[in-house]
Amino acid sequence: MNTLKTRHGVVMVSLPFSSIHHDQKQIELKYTPNNYNGWGICRYYDAGDVRHFTQPDAEAFAQDAETKLRTQGAAV
């Protein structure tokens, strides 16, 4: 597992793994923000699509996840 620290939190990239639901190996990207009590977002991708996941990719993933975790306003 590869761990990348970002401005907003930590992005972890799993090792490729097989799944009965997919023909190609998968990886999991998991974002855990700072100060959010362990909650986060994970997403699965084909391993070939995310072969060279770098720090700028982690920053972009974290930024996108932040917008989904911290929605503005509350439903009334």
N, C-alpha and C. Protein backbone atom coordinates (compact mmCIF):
# COMPACT_ATOMS: atom_id res chain seq x y z
N MET A 1 0.85 -1.18 0.00
CA MET A 1 0.00 0.00 0.00
C MET A 1 0.90 1.24 0.00
N ASN A 2 0.52 2.22 -0.78
CA ASN A 2 1.26 3.47 -0.88
C ASN A 2 0.42 4.56 -0.21
N THR A 3 1.05 5.37 0.63
CA THR A 3 0.35 6.43 1.34
C THR A 3 0.93 7.77 0.92
N LEU A 4 0.04 8.69 0.51
CA LEU A 4 0.45 10.02 0.09
C LEU A 4 -0.25 11.05 0.96
N LYS A 5 0.52 11.91 1.61
CA LYS A 5 -0.07 12.97 2.42
C LYS A 5 -0.38 14.16 1.53
N THR A 6 -1.58 14.70 1.69
CA THR A 6 -2.01 15.86 0.91
C THR A 6 -2.31 17.02 1.86
N ARG A 7 -2.65 18.13 1.27
CA ARG A 7 -2.99 19.32 2.05
C ARG A 7 -4.22 19.08 2.92
N HIS A 8 -5.15 18.25 2.45
CA HIS A 8 -6.41 18.02 3.15
C HIS A 8 -6.44 16.76 4.00
N GLY A 9 -5.56 15.80 3.71
CA GLY A 9 -5.59 14.53 4.43
C GLY A 9 -4.65 13.52 3.78
N VAL A 10 -5.00 12.24 3.89
CA VAL A 10 -4.14 11.16 3.40
C VAL A 10 -4.87 10.38 2.32
N VAL A 11 -4.15 10.06 1.24
CA VAL A 11 -4.67 9.20 0.18
C VAL A 11 -3.85 7.91 0.20
N MET A 12 -4.54 6.78 0.31
CA MET A 12 -3.87 5.49 0.29
C MET A 12 -4.21 4.78 -1.01
N VAL A 13 -3.20 4.20 -1.63
CA VAL A 13 -3.35 3.47 -2.88
C VAL A 13 -3.03 2.01 -2.59
N SER A 14 -4.01 1.13 -2.80
CA SER A 14 -3.80 -0.29 -2.51
C SER A 14 -2.97 -0.95 -3.60
N LEU A 15 -2.49 -2.13 -3.30
CA LEU A 15 -1.85 -2.96 -4.31
C LEU A 15 -2.94 -3.51 -5.23
N PRO A 16 -2.61 -3.83 -6.47
CA PRO A 16 -3.62 -4.41 -7.37
C PRO A 16 -4.16 -5.73 -6.81
N PHE A 17 -5.46 -5.94 -6.97
CA PHE A 17 -6.08 -7.18 -6.50
C PHE A 17 -7.12 -7.64 -7.51
N SER A 18 -7.42 -8.92 -7.49
CA SER A 18 -8.41 -9.49 -8.39
C SER A 18 -9.78 -9.42 -7.76
N SER A 19 -10.79 -9.32 -8.61
CA SER A 19 -12.17 -9.25 -8.15
C SER A 19 -13.03 -10.09 -9.08
N ILE A 20 -14.00 -10.79 -8.52
CA ILE A 20 -14.88 -11.60 -9.38
C ILE A 20 -15.83 -10.72 -10.19
N HIS A 21 -15.94 -9.44 -9.82
CA HIS A 21 -16.84 -8.53 -10.49
C HIS A 21 -16.21 -7.81 -11.68
N HIS A 22 -14.88 -7.94 -11.83
CA HIS A 22 -14.17 -7.21 -12.88
C HIS A 22 -13.19 -8.15 -13.58
N ASP A 23 -13.01 -7.94 -14.88
CA ASP A 23 -12.06 -8.74 -15.65
C ASP A 23 -10.62 -8.35 -15.36
N GLN A 24 -10.37 -7.08 -15.09
CA GLN A 24 -9.02 -6.59 -14.84
C GLN A 24 -8.79 -6.42 -13.34
N LYS A 25 -7.51 -6.44 -12.95
CA LYS A 25 -7.19 -6.20 -11.54
C LYS A 25 -7.62 -4.80 -11.16
N GLN A 26 -7.97 -4.63 -9.90
CA GLN A 26 -8.46 -3.36 -9.37
C GLN A 26 -7.47 -2.80 -8.35
N ILE A 27 -7.58 -1.50 -8.12
CA ILE A 27 -6.91 -0.88 -6.98
C ILE A 27 -7.95 -0.03 -6.26
N GLU A 28 -7.71 0.19 -4.98
CA GLU A 28 -8.59 1.05 -4.18
C GLU A 28 -7.83 2.32 -3.84
N LEU A 29 -8.47 3.46 -4.10
CA LEU A 29 -7.97 4.75 -3.63
C LEU A 29 -8.84 5.14 -2.46
N LYS A 30 -8.21 5.41 -1.34
CA LYS A 30 -8.97 5.76 -0.13
C LYS A 30 -8.45 7.10 0.39
N TYR A 31 -9.36 8.02 0.58
CA TYR A 31 -9.03 9.34 1.11
C TYR A 31 -9.60 9.47 2.51
N THR A 32 -8.73 9.82 3.46
CA THR A 32 -9.15 10.08 4.84
C THR A 32 -8.72 11.51 5.17
N PRO A 33 -9.68 12.41 5.36
CA PRO A 33 -9.33 13.81 5.63
C PRO A 33 -8.83 14.01 7.05
N ASN A 34 -8.12 15.10 7.24
CA ASN A 34 -7.69 15.50 8.58
C ASN A 34 -8.92 15.91 9.39
N ASN A 35 -8.92 15.62 10.67
CA ASN A 35 -9.97 16.08 11.59
C ASN A 35 -11.38 15.66 11.15
N TYR A 36 -11.55 14.42 10.72
CA TYR A 36 -12.89 13.98 10.32
C TYR A 36 -13.23 12.64 10.94
N ASN A 37 -12.62 12.33 12.09
CA ASN A 37 -12.91 11.15 12.89
C ASN A 37 -12.83 9.82 12.12
N GLY A 38 -11.87 9.73 11.20
CA GLY A 38 -11.65 8.48 10.48
C GLY A 38 -12.54 8.23 9.29
N TRP A 39 -13.53 9.07 9.06
CA TRP A 39 -14.40 8.90 7.91
C TRP A 39 -13.65 9.29 6.65
N GLY A 40 -14.04 8.71 5.55
CA GLY A 40 -13.39 9.03 4.28
C GLY A 40 -14.19 8.50 3.11
N ILE A 41 -13.55 8.53 1.97
CA ILE A 41 -14.16 8.07 0.72
C ILE A 41 -13.18 7.13 0.05
N CYS A 42 -13.69 6.03 -0.51
CA CYS A 42 -12.83 5.18 -1.31
C CYS A 42 -13.48 4.94 -2.67
N ARG A 43 -12.63 4.64 -3.62
CA ARG A 43 -13.10 4.41 -4.98
C ARG A 43 -12.20 3.36 -5.61
N TYR A 44 -12.79 2.53 -6.46
CA TYR A 44 -12.05 1.46 -7.12
C TYR A 44 -11.84 1.80 -8.59
N TYR A 45 -10.65 1.48 -9.09
CA TYR A 45 -10.29 1.74 -10.48
C TYR A 45 -9.60 0.51 -11.05
N ASP A 46 -9.63 0.37 -12.38
CA ASP A 46 -8.82 -0.64 -13.03
C ASP A 46 -7.36 -0.30 -12.76
N ALA A 47 -6.57 -1.28 -12.37
CA ALA A 47 -5.18 -1.03 -12.00
C ALA A 47 -4.40 -0.41 -13.16
N GLY A 48 -4.68 -0.79 -14.38
CA GLY A 48 -3.97 -0.23 -15.52
C GLY A 48 -4.25 1.25 -15.73
N ASP A 49 -5.41 1.72 -15.29
CA ASP A 49 -5.77 3.13 -15.46
C ASP A 49 -5.05 4.04 -14.47
N VAL A 50 -4.60 3.48 -13.36
CA VAL A 50 -3.98 4.28 -12.30
C VAL A 50 -2.57 3.75 -12.02
N ARG A 51 -1.90 3.34 -13.04
CA ARG A 51 -0.58 2.72 -12.90
C ARG A 51 0.45 3.67 -12.31
N HIS A 52 0.42 4.92 -12.71
CA HIS A 52 1.42 5.90 -12.26
C HIS A 52 0.74 6.99 -11.44
N PHE A 53 0.20 6.65 -10.30
CA PHE A 53 -0.50 7.58 -9.42
C PHE A 53 0.54 8.37 -8.64
N THR A 54 0.56 9.69 -8.81
CA THR A 54 1.60 10.53 -8.22
C THR A 54 1.00 11.52 -7.21
N GLN A 55 1.86 12.32 -6.60
CA GLN A 55 1.43 13.32 -5.62
C GLN A 55 0.39 14.28 -6.20
N PRO A 56 0.59 14.83 -7.41
CA PRO A 56 -0.45 15.71 -7.97
C PRO A 56 -1.79 14.99 -8.16
N ASP A 57 -1.75 13.70 -8.51
CA ASP A 57 -2.99 12.93 -8.63
C ASP A 57 -3.67 12.78 -7.27
N ALA A 58 -2.87 12.55 -6.23
CA ALA A 58 -3.41 12.43 -4.87
C ALA A 58 -4.04 13.74 -4.42
N GLU A 59 -3.39 14.87 -4.73
CA GLU A 59 -3.95 16.18 -4.38
C GLU A 59 -5.30 16.40 -5.06
N ALA A 60 -5.38 16.04 -6.35
CA ALA A 60 -6.64 16.20 -7.10
C ALA A 60 -7.73 15.29 -6.54
N PHE A 61 -7.38 14.04 -6.23
CA PHE A 61 -8.35 13.09 -5.67
C PHE A 61 -8.86 13.59 -4.32
N ALA A 62 -7.94 14.09 -3.48
CA ALA A 62 -8.32 14.61 -2.16
C ALA A 62 -9.23 15.83 -2.29
N GLN A 63 -8.91 16.72 -3.20
CA GLN A 63 -9.73 17.92 -3.41
C GLN A 63 -11.14 17.55 -3.85
N ASP A 64 -11.23 16.60 -4.78
CA ASP A 64 -12.55 16.15 -5.26
C ASP A 64 -13.33 15.48 -4.12
N ALA A 65 -12.65 14.66 -3.34
CA ALA A 65 -13.31 13.99 -2.22
C ALA A 65 -13.77 14.99 -1.17
N GLU A 66 -12.99 16.02 -0.93
CA GLU A 66 -13.38 17.06 0.03
C GLU A 66 -14.72 17.68 -0.35
N THR A 67 -14.92 17.94 -1.61
CA THR A 67 -16.18 18.56 -2.05
C THR A 67 -17.36 17.64 -1.82
N LYS A 68 -17.11 16.33 -1.82
CA LYS A 68 -18.20 15.38 -1.60
C LYS A 68 -18.44 15.13 -0.11
N LEU A 69 -17.38 15.19 0.69
CA LEU A 69 -17.53 14.96 2.14
C LEU A 69 -18.12 16.15 2.87
N ARG A 70 -17.71 17.30 2.48
CA ARG A 70 -18.09 18.51 3.22
C ARG A 70 -19.06 19.34 2.38
N THR A 71 -20.26 18.81 2.21
CA THR A 71 -21.27 19.50 1.43
C THR A 71 -21.68 20.78 2.14
N GLN A 72 -21.96 21.78 1.39
CA GLN A 72 -22.35 23.07 1.95
C GLN A 72 -23.86 23.08 2.23
N GLY A 73 -24.23 23.56 3.39
CA GLY A 73 -25.64 23.65 3.76
C GLY A 73 -26.16 22.33 4.26
N ALA A 74 -27.33 22.35 4.81
CA ALA A 74 -27.94 21.13 5.34
C ALA A 74 -29.39 21.04 4.83
N ALA A 75 -29.82 19.81 4.63
CA ALA A 75 -31.21 19.59 4.20
C ALA A 75 -32.14 19.93 5.36
N VAL A 76 -33.20 20.62 5.07
CA VAL A 76 -34.14 21.02 6.11
C VAL A 76 -35.40 20.21 5.98
